[in-house]
All heavy atoms as atom14 arrays in JSON, in Angstrom:
{
  "sequence": "SFYEHKLGTALESLHLEGRYRTFIEIERARGNFPNARWISK",
  "atom14_mask": [
    [1, 1, 1, 1, 1, 1, 0, 0, 0, 0, 0, 0, 0, 0],
    [1, 1, 1, 1, 1, 1, 1, 1, 1, 1, 1, 0, 0, 0],
    [1, 1, 1, 1, 1, 1, 1, 1, 1, 1, 1, 1, 0, 0],
    [1, 1, 1, 1, 1, 1, 1, 1, 1, 0, 0, 0, 0, 0],
    [1, 1, 1, 1, 1, 1, 1, 1, 1, 1, 0, 0, 0, 0],
    [1, 1, 1, 1, 1, 1, 1, 1, 1, 0, 0, 0, 0, 0],
    [1, 1, 1, 1, 1, 1, 1, 1, 0, 0, 0, 0, 0, 0],
    [1, 1, 1, 1, 0, 0, 0, 0, 0, 0, 0, 0, 0, 0],
    [1, 1, 1, 1, 1, 1, 1, 0, 0, 0, 0, 0, 0, 0],
    [1, 1, 1, 1, 1, 0, 0, 0, 0, 0, 0, 0, 0, 0],
    [1, 1, 1, 1, 1, 1, 1, 1, 0, 0, 0, 0, 0, 0],
    [1, 1, 1, 1, 1, 1, 1, 1, 1, 0, 0, 0, 0, 0],
    [1, 1, 1, 1, 1, 1, 0, 0, 0, 0, 0, 0, 0, 0],
    [1, 1, 1, 1, 1, 1, 1, 1, 0, 0, 0, 0, 0, 0],
    [1, 1, 1, 1, 1, 1, 1, 1, 1, 1, 0, 0, 0, 0],
    [1, 1, 1, 1, 1, 1, 1, 1, 0, 0, 0, 0, 0, 0],
    [1, 1, 1, 1, 1, 1, 1, 1, 1, 0, 0, 0, 0, 0],
    [1, 1, 1, 1, 0, 0, 0, 0, 0, 0, 0, 0, 0, 0],
    [1, 1, 1, 1, 1, 1, 1, 1, 1, 1, 1, 0, 0, 0],
    [1, 1, 1, 1, 1, 1, 1, 1, 1, 1, 1, 1, 0, 0],
    [1, 1, 1, 1, 1, 1, 1, 1, 1, 1, 1, 0, 0, 0],
    [1, 1, 1, 1, 1, 1, 1, 0, 0, 0, 0, 0, 0, 0],
    [1, 1, 1, 1, 1, 1, 1, 1, 1, 1, 1, 0, 0, 0],
    [1, 1, 1, 1, 1, 1, 1, 1, 0, 0, 0, 0, 0, 0],
    [1, 1, 1, 1, 1, 1, 1, 1, 1, 0, 0, 0, 0, 0],
    [1, 1, 1, 1, 1, 1, 1, 1, 0, 0, 0, 0, 0, 0],
    [1, 1, 1, 1, 1, 1, 1, 1, 1, 0, 0, 0, 0, 0],
    [1, 1, 1, 1, 1, 1, 1, 1, 1, 1, 1, 0, 0, 0],
    [1, 1, 1, 1, 1, 0, 0, 0, 0, 0, 0, 0, 0, 0],
    [1, 1, 1, 1, 1, 1, 1, 1, 1, 1, 1, 0, 0, 0],
    [1, 1, 1, 1, 0, 0, 0, 0, 0, 0, 0, 0, 0, 0],
    [1, 1, 1, 1, 1, 1, 1, 1, 0, 0, 0, 0, 0, 0],
    [1, 1, 1, 1, 1, 1, 1, 1, 1, 1, 1, 0, 0, 0],
    [1, 1, 1, 1, 1, 1, 1, 0, 0, 0, 0, 0, 0, 0],
    [1, 1, 1, 1, 1, 1, 1, 1, 0, 0, 0, 0, 0, 0],
    [1, 1, 1, 1, 1, 0, 0, 0, 0, 0, 0, 0, 0, 0],
    [1, 1, 1, 1, 1, 1, 1, 1, 1, 1, 1, 0, 0, 0],
    [1, 1, 1, 1, 1, 1, 1, 1, 1, 1, 1, 1, 1, 1],
    [1, 1, 1, 1, 1, 1, 1, 1, 0, 0, 0, 0, 0, 0],
    [1, 1, 1, 1, 1, 1, 0, 0, 0, 0, 0, 0, 0, 0],
    [1, 1, 1, 1, 1, 1, 1, 1, 1, 0, 0, 0, 0, 0]
  ],
  "atom14_positions": [
    [[152.26, 64.51, 106.34], [152.61, 65.85, 105.87], [153.49, 65.79, 104.62], [153.58, 66.76, 103.86], [153.33, 66.64, 106.97], [154.57, 66.02, 107.31], [0.0, 0.0, 0.0], [0.0, 0.0, 0.0], [0.0, 0.0, 0.0], [0.0, 0.0, 0.0], [0.0, 0.0, 0.0], [0.0, 0.0, 0.0], [0.0, 0.0, 0.0], [0.0, 0.0, 0.0]],
    [[154.13, 64.65, 104.39], [154.96, 64.45, 103.21], [154.15, 64.69, 101.94], [154.61, 65.34, 101.01], [155.53, 63.03, 103.22], [156.13, 62.59, 101.91], [157.44, 62.92, 101.58], [155.38, 61.86, 101.0], [157.99, 62.5, 100.37], [155.93, 61.45, 99.79], [157.24, 61.78, 99.48], [0.0, 0.0, 0.0], [0.0, 0.0, 0.0], [0.0, 0.0, 0.0]],
    [[152.93, 64.12, 101.9], [152.09, 64.24, 100.71], [151.71, 65.69, 100.44], [151.81, 66.18, 99.31], [150.83, 63.38, 100.86], [151.13, 61.92, 101.14], [150.88, 61.37, 102.39], [151.65, 61.09, 100.17], [151.14, 60.04, 102.66], [151.93, 59.76, 100.41], [151.67, 59.24, 101.66], [151.93, 57.92, 101.93], [0.0, 0.0, 0.0], [0.0, 0.0, 0.0]],
    [[151.29, 66.39, 101.5], [150.9, 67.79, 101.34], [152.09, 68.64, 100.91], [151.96, 69.56, 100.1], [150.31, 68.32, 102.66], [148.96, 67.72, 103.02], [147.88, 68.09, 102.02], [147.75, 69.3, 101.72], [147.18, 67.19, 101.53], [0.0, 0.0, 0.0], [0.0, 0.0, 0.0], [0.0, 0.0, 0.0], [0.0, 0.0, 0.0], [0.0, 0.0, 0.0]],
    [[153.27, 68.33, 101.46], [154.47, 69.07, 101.1], [154.79, 68.92, 99.62], [155.08, 69.9, 98.92], [155.66, 68.62, 101.95], [156.97, 69.23, 101.53], [157.29, 70.56, 101.75], [158.05, 68.68, 100.87], [158.48, 70.81, 101.25], [158.98, 69.69, 100.72], [0.0, 0.0, 0.0], [0.0, 0.0, 0.0], [0.0, 0.0, 0.0], [0.0, 0.0, 0.0]],
    [[154.76, 67.67, 99.13], [155.07, 67.42, 97.73], [154.07, 68.09, 96.81], [154.42, 68.65, 95.76], [155.11, 65.92, 97.46], [156.34, 65.22, 98.04], [157.62, 65.74, 97.37], [158.85, 65.0, 97.83], [160.09, 65.55, 97.19], [0.0, 0.0, 0.0], [0.0, 0.0, 0.0], [0.0, 0.0, 0.0], [0.0, 0.0, 0.0], [0.0, 0.0, 0.0]],
    [[152.78, 68.01, 97.15], [151.75, 68.67, 96.35], [151.94, 70.18, 96.35], [151.81, 70.83, 95.31], [150.37, 68.3, 96.87], [149.96, 66.83, 96.74], [148.66, 66.56, 97.48], [149.82, 66.44, 95.27], [0.0, 0.0, 0.0], [0.0, 0.0, 0.0], [0.0, 0.0, 0.0], [0.0, 0.0, 0.0], [0.0, 0.0, 0.0], [0.0, 0.0, 0.0]],
    [[152.26, 70.73, 97.51], [152.49, 72.16, 97.62], [153.68, 72.62, 96.79], [153.64, 73.67, 96.15], [0.0, 0.0, 0.0], [0.0, 0.0, 0.0], [0.0, 0.0, 0.0], [0.0, 0.0, 0.0], [0.0, 0.0, 0.0], [0.0, 0.0, 0.0], [0.0, 0.0, 0.0], [0.0, 0.0, 0.0], [0.0, 0.0, 0.0], [0.0, 0.0, 0.0]],
    [[154.75, 71.8, 96.8], [155.94, 72.12, 96.0], [155.62, 72.15, 94.51], [156.06, 73.03, 93.77], [157.06, 71.1, 96.28], [157.39, 71.13, 97.68], [158.3, 71.41, 95.46], [0.0, 0.0, 0.0], [0.0, 0.0, 0.0], [0.0, 0.0, 0.0], [0.0, 0.0, 0.0], [0.0, 0.0, 0.0], [0.0, 0.0, 0.0], [0.0, 0.0, 0.0]],
    [[154.84, 71.15, 94.07], [154.46, 71.08, 92.66], [153.64, 72.3, 92.26], [153.84, 72.89, 91.18], [153.67, 69.8, 92.39], [0.0, 0.0, 0.0], [0.0, 0.0, 0.0], [0.0, 0.0, 0.0], [0.0, 0.0, 0.0], [0.0, 0.0, 0.0], [0.0, 0.0, 0.0], [0.0, 0.0, 0.0], [0.0, 0.0, 0.0], [0.0, 0.0, 0.0]],
    [[152.71, 72.71, 93.11], [151.88, 73.87, 92.81], [152.69, 75.17, 92.84], [152.49, 76.06, 92.02], [150.71, 73.95, 93.8], [149.64, 72.87, 93.66], [148.68, 72.91, 94.85], [148.87, 73.06, 92.36], [0.0, 0.0, 0.0], [0.0, 0.0, 0.0], [0.0, 0.0, 0.0], [0.0, 0.0, 0.0], [0.0, 0.0, 0.0], [0.0, 0.0, 0.0]],
    [[153.61, 75.26, 93.78], [154.43, 76.46, 93.89], [155.28, 76.67, 92.64], [155.48, 77.8, 92.19], [155.33, 76.38, 95.12], [156.22, 77.61, 95.35], [155.41, 78.89, 95.59], [154.24, 78.8, 95.99], [155.97, 79.99, 95.34], [0.0, 0.0, 0.0], [0.0, 0.0, 0.0], [0.0, 0.0, 0.0], [0.0, 0.0, 0.0], [0.0, 0.0, 0.0]],
    [[155.78, 75.57, 92.06], [156.58, 75.69, 90.84], [155.75, 76.28, 89.7], [156.27, 77.06, 88.89], [157.16, 74.33, 90.44], [156.16, 73.45, 89.98], [0.0, 0.0, 0.0], [0.0, 0.0, 0.0], [0.0, 0.0, 0.0], [0.0, 0.0, 0.0], [0.0, 0.0, 0.0], [0.0, 0.0, 0.0], [0.0, 0.0, 0.0], [0.0, 0.0, 0.0]],
    [[154.47, 75.94, 89.64], [153.6, 76.52, 88.62], [153.43, 78.01, 88.83], [153.44, 78.8, 87.87], [152.24, 75.82, 88.63], [152.2, 74.35, 88.22], [150.77, 73.81, 88.34], [152.7, 74.16, 86.8], [0.0, 0.0, 0.0], [0.0, 0.0, 0.0], [0.0, 0.0, 0.0], [0.0, 0.0, 0.0], [0.0, 0.0, 0.0], [0.0, 0.0, 0.0]],
    [[153.28, 78.42, 90.1], [153.15, 79.84, 90.4], [154.41, 80.61, 90.01], [154.34, 81.68, 89.4], [152.86, 80.05, 91.9], [151.45, 79.77, 92.3], [150.4, 80.61, 92.0], [150.91, 78.72, 92.97], [149.27, 80.12, 92.48], [149.55, 78.96, 93.07], [0.0, 0.0, 0.0], [0.0, 0.0, 0.0], [0.0, 0.0, 0.0], [0.0, 0.0, 0.0]],
    [[155.59, 80.05, 90.34], [156.86, 80.71, 90.05], [157.09, 80.86, 88.55], [157.66, 81.85, 88.09], [158.02, 79.94, 90.68], [158.08, 79.96, 92.22], [159.17, 79.03, 92.72], [158.32, 81.38, 92.73], [0.0, 0.0, 0.0], [0.0, 0.0, 0.0], [0.0, 0.0, 0.0], [0.0, 0.0, 0.0], [0.0, 0.0, 0.0], [0.0, 0.0, 0.0]],
    [[156.64, 79.88, 87.78], [156.82, 79.92, 86.33], [155.72, 80.69, 85.62], [155.78, 80.87, 84.4], [156.87, 78.5, 85.77], [158.07, 77.68, 86.21], [158.02, 76.27, 85.68], [157.49, 76.08, 84.58], [158.52, 75.36, 86.35], [0.0, 0.0, 0.0], [0.0, 0.0, 0.0], [0.0, 0.0, 0.0], [0.0, 0.0, 0.0], [0.0, 0.0, 0.0]],
    [[154.72, 81.13, 86.36], [153.61, 81.84, 85.74], [152.66, 80.94, 84.99], [151.91, 81.4, 84.12], [0.0, 0.0, 0.0], [0.0, 0.0, 0.0], [0.0, 0.0, 0.0], [0.0, 0.0, 0.0], [0.0, 0.0, 0.0], [0.0, 0.0, 0.0], [0.0, 0.0, 0.0], [0.0, 0.0, 0.0], [0.0, 0.0, 0.0], [0.0, 0.0, 0.0]],
    [[152.67, 79.63, 85.33], [151.85, 78.65, 84.62], [150.67, 78.15, 85.43], [149.95, 77.26, 84.99], [152.7, 77.45, 84.2], [153.78, 77.75, 83.23], [154.34, 76.52, 82.58], [155.04, 75.63, 83.47], [154.68, 74.37, 83.72], [153.58, 73.87, 83.2], [155.43, 73.62, 84.53], [0.0, 0.0, 0.0], [0.0, 0.0, 0.0], [0.0, 0.0, 0.0]],
    [[150.46, 78.7, 86.62], [149.33, 78.24, 87.43], [148.01, 78.62, 86.76], [147.83, 79.76, 86.34], [149.4, 78.86, 88.83], [148.3, 78.39, 89.75], [148.33, 77.13, 90.32], [147.22, 79.23, 90.04], [147.32, 76.69, 91.16], [146.21, 78.81, 90.88], [146.26, 77.54, 91.44], [145.25, 77.12, 92.26], [0.0, 0.0, 0.0], [0.0, 0.0, 0.0]],
    [[147.13, 77.64, 86.63], [145.87, 77.87, 85.93], [144.81, 78.41, 86.88], [144.49, 77.78, 87.9], [145.39, 76.57, 85.27], [146.36, 76.05, 84.21], [145.94, 74.69, 83.69], [146.96, 74.16, 82.79], [146.86, 74.1, 81.48], [145.76, 74.56, 80.89], [147.83, 73.61, 80.73], [0.0, 0.0, 0.0], [0.0, 0.0, 0.0], [0.0, 0.0, 0.0]],
    [[144.27, 79.55, 86.54], [143.23, 80.2, 87.34], [141.88, 80.03, 86.65], [141.74, 80.33, 85.46], [143.53, 81.69, 87.52], [144.8, 81.84, 88.13], [142.47, 82.35, 88.39], [0.0, 0.0, 0.0], [0.0, 0.0, 0.0], [0.0, 0.0, 0.0], [0.0, 0.0, 0.0], [0.0, 0.0, 0.0], [0.0, 0.0, 0.0], [0.0, 0.0, 0.0]],
    [[140.9, 79.55, 87.38], [139.55, 79.4, 86.85], [138.78, 80.69, 87.05], [138.66, 81.19, 88.17], [138.81, 78.25, 87.53], [139.33, 76.88, 87.17], [138.78, 75.75, 87.73], [140.35, 76.72, 86.28], [139.26, 74.49, 87.41], [140.84, 75.46, 85.94], [140.29, 74.35, 86.51], [0.0, 0.0, 0.0], [0.0, 0.0, 0.0], [0.0, 0.0, 0.0]],
    [[138.29, 81.24, 85.97], [137.48, 82.45, 86.03], [136.01, 82.05, 86.07], [135.52, 81.36, 85.18], [137.75, 83.36, 84.81], [139.26, 83.67, 84.68], [136.92, 84.63, 84.91], [139.82, 84.41, 85.86], [0.0, 0.0, 0.0], [0.0, 0.0, 0.0], [0.0, 0.0, 0.0], [0.0, 0.0, 0.0], [0.0, 0.0, 0.0], [0.0, 0.0, 0.0]],
    [[135.32, 82.47, 87.1], [133.92, 82.1, 87.27], [133.02, 83.07, 86.51], [132.98, 84.26, 86.8], [133.55, 82.1, 88.76], [132.13, 81.59, 89.04], [131.81, 81.54, 90.51], [132.74, 81.74, 91.33], [130.62, 81.33, 90.85], [0.0, 0.0, 0.0], [0.0, 0.0, 0.0], [0.0, 0.0, 0.0], [0.0, 0.0, 0.0], [0.0, 0.0, 0.0]],
    [[132.32, 82.54, 85.52], [131.4, 83.36, 84.74], [130.04, 82.68, 84.67], [129.9, 81.48, 84.89], [131.91, 83.61, 83.31], [132.01, 82.3, 82.52], [133.23, 84.35, 83.31], [132.29, 82.5, 81.04], [0.0, 0.0, 0.0], [0.0, 0.0, 0.0], [0.0, 0.0, 0.0], [0.0, 0.0, 0.0], [0.0, 0.0, 0.0], [0.0, 0.0, 0.0]],
    [[129.04, 83.46, 84.37], [127.68, 82.95, 84.16], [127.17, 83.46, 82.82], [126.93, 84.66, 82.65], [126.75, 83.38, 85.29], [125.34, 82.82, 85.16], [124.42, 83.21, 86.3], [124.92, 83.82, 87.26], [123.21, 82.89, 86.21], [0.0, 0.0, 0.0], [0.0, 0.0, 0.0], [0.0, 0.0, 0.0], [0.0, 0.0, 0.0], [0.0, 0.0, 0.0]],
    [[127.07, 82.53, 81.87], [126.55, 82.9, 80.57], [125.07, 83.26, 80.69], [124.32, 82.61, 81.39], [126.72, 81.76, 79.59], [128.17, 81.55, 79.16], [128.43, 80.14, 78.68], [127.6, 79.72, 77.58], [127.92, 79.73, 76.3], [129.12, 80.19, 75.96], [127.11, 79.31, 75.36], [0.0, 0.0, 0.0], [0.0, 0.0, 0.0], [0.0, 0.0, 0.0]],
    [[124.67, 84.28, 79.98], [123.29, 84.75, 80.02], [122.61, 84.42, 78.7], [123.04, 84.88, 77.64], [123.23, 86.24, 80.29], [0.0, 0.0, 0.0], [0.0, 0.0, 0.0], [0.0, 0.0, 0.0], [0.0, 0.0, 0.0], [0.0, 0.0, 0.0], [0.0, 0.0, 0.0], [0.0, 0.0, 0.0], [0.0, 0.0, 0.0], [0.0, 0.0, 0.0]],
    [[121.56, 83.61, 78.76], [120.85, 83.22, 77.55], [120.4, 84.44, 76.75], [119.84, 85.38, 77.28], [119.64, 82.36, 77.9], [118.8, 81.95, 76.69], [117.63, 81.08, 77.07], [116.82, 80.74, 75.91], [115.73, 79.99, 75.94], [115.32, 79.47, 77.11], [115.04, 79.73, 74.82], [0.0, 0.0, 0.0], [0.0, 0.0, 0.0], [0.0, 0.0, 0.0]],
    [[120.68, 84.41, 75.47], [120.29, 85.49, 74.59], [121.23, 86.67, 74.58], [121.01, 87.63, 73.83], [0.0, 0.0, 0.0], [0.0, 0.0, 0.0], [0.0, 0.0, 0.0], [0.0, 0.0, 0.0], [0.0, 0.0, 0.0], [0.0, 0.0, 0.0], [0.0, 0.0, 0.0], [0.0, 0.0, 0.0], [0.0, 0.0, 0.0], [0.0, 0.0, 0.0]],
    [[122.32, 86.61, 75.37], [123.25, 87.73, 75.46], [124.68, 87.33, 75.13], [125.62, 88.03, 75.47], [123.19, 88.34, 76.87], [123.72, 89.76, 76.91], [123.68, 90.48, 75.91], [124.23, 90.17, 78.05], [0.0, 0.0, 0.0], [0.0, 0.0, 0.0], [0.0, 0.0, 0.0], [0.0, 0.0, 0.0], [0.0, 0.0, 0.0], [0.0, 0.0, 0.0]],
    [[124.86, 86.17, 74.52], [126.19, 85.73, 74.12], [126.74, 86.68, 73.05], [125.99, 87.14, 72.19], [126.1, 84.31, 73.54], [127.42, 83.7, 73.17], [128.25, 83.17, 74.13], [127.84, 83.68, 71.85], [129.47, 82.62, 73.78], [129.06, 83.12, 71.5], [129.87, 82.59, 72.47], [0.0, 0.0, 0.0], [0.0, 0.0, 0.0], [0.0, 0.0, 0.0]],
    [[128.05, 87.09, 73.12], [129.14, 86.53, 73.91], [129.38, 87.19, 75.25], [130.48, 87.06, 75.82], [130.33, 86.76, 72.98], [130.02, 88.09, 72.35], [128.54, 88.08, 72.13], [0.0, 0.0, 0.0], [0.0, 0.0, 0.0], [0.0, 0.0, 0.0], [0.0, 0.0, 0.0], [0.0, 0.0, 0.0], [0.0, 0.0, 0.0], [0.0, 0.0, 0.0]],
    [[128.4, 87.92, 75.77], [128.56, 88.53, 77.07], [128.2, 87.55, 78.18], [127.39, 86.65, 78.01], [127.69, 89.78, 77.17], [128.1, 90.85, 76.17], [129.28, 91.11, 75.98], [127.13, 91.44, 75.49], [0.0, 0.0, 0.0], [0.0, 0.0, 0.0], [0.0, 0.0, 0.0], [0.0, 0.0, 0.0], [0.0, 0.0, 0.0], [0.0, 0.0, 0.0]],
    [[128.83, 87.75, 79.32], [128.58, 86.9, 80.47], [128.84, 87.7, 81.74], [129.55, 88.72, 81.72], [129.47, 85.65, 80.45], [0.0, 0.0, 0.0], [0.0, 0.0, 0.0], [0.0, 0.0, 0.0], [0.0, 0.0, 0.0], [0.0, 0.0, 0.0], [0.0, 0.0, 0.0], [0.0, 0.0, 0.0], [0.0, 0.0, 0.0], [0.0, 0.0, 0.0]],
    [[128.27, 87.25, 82.84], [128.52, 87.88, 84.13], [129.76, 87.26, 84.76], [129.83, 86.03, 84.92], [127.32, 87.74, 85.05], [126.14, 88.61, 84.65], [125.06, 88.6, 85.72], [124.42, 87.31, 85.81], [123.38, 86.9, 85.03], [122.9, 87.72, 84.12], [122.86, 85.72, 85.19], [0.0, 0.0, 0.0], [0.0, 0.0, 0.0], [0.0, 0.0, 0.0]],
    [[130.71, 88.1, 85.1], [131.92, 87.65, 85.78], [131.78, 87.89, 87.27], [131.48, 89.0, 87.71], [133.14, 88.4, 85.24], [134.4, 88.21, 86.05], [134.88, 87.04, 86.55], [135.32, 89.22, 86.46], [136.05, 87.25, 87.24], [136.35, 88.57, 87.19], [135.39, 90.61, 86.26], [137.42, 89.28, 87.75], [136.45, 91.31, 86.8], [137.45, 90.64, 87.55]],
    [[131.98, 86.84, 88.03], [131.93, 86.93, 89.49], [133.37, 86.97, 89.99], [134.09, 85.98, 89.95], [131.17, 85.73, 90.09], [129.77, 85.67, 89.47], [131.1, 85.85, 91.61], [129.02, 84.42, 89.79], [0.0, 0.0, 0.0], [0.0, 0.0, 0.0], [0.0, 0.0, 0.0], [0.0, 0.0, 0.0], [0.0, 0.0, 0.0], [0.0, 0.0, 0.0]],
    [[133.82, 88.14, 90.45], [135.2, 88.32, 90.87], [135.44, 87.75, 92.26], [134.51, 87.27, 92.94], [135.57, 89.8, 90.84], [134.78, 90.52, 91.77], [0.0, 0.0, 0.0], [0.0, 0.0, 0.0], [0.0, 0.0, 0.0], [0.0, 0.0, 0.0], [0.0, 0.0, 0.0], [0.0, 0.0, 0.0], [0.0, 0.0, 0.0], [0.0, 0.0, 0.0]],
    [[136.7, 87.82, 92.72], [137.06, 87.24, 94.02], [136.34, 87.91, 95.18], [136.13, 87.29, 96.23], [138.58, 87.32, 94.21], [139.37, 86.41, 93.28], [140.85, 86.52, 93.54], [141.64, 85.6, 92.61], [143.11, 85.71, 92.83], [0.0, 0.0, 0.0], [0.0, 0.0, 0.0], [0.0, 0.0, 0.0], [0.0, 0.0, 0.0], [0.0, 0.0, 0.0]]
  ]
}
């Protein structure tokens, strides 16, 4: 559990600082760039 705790602490610090990186899932559509389909949560 030590490993998970340390990893969790590191990630939490990113959240607190507003630096956590969020991946936005999109699907580019051929012939329609720069538009893309965004798949939300």
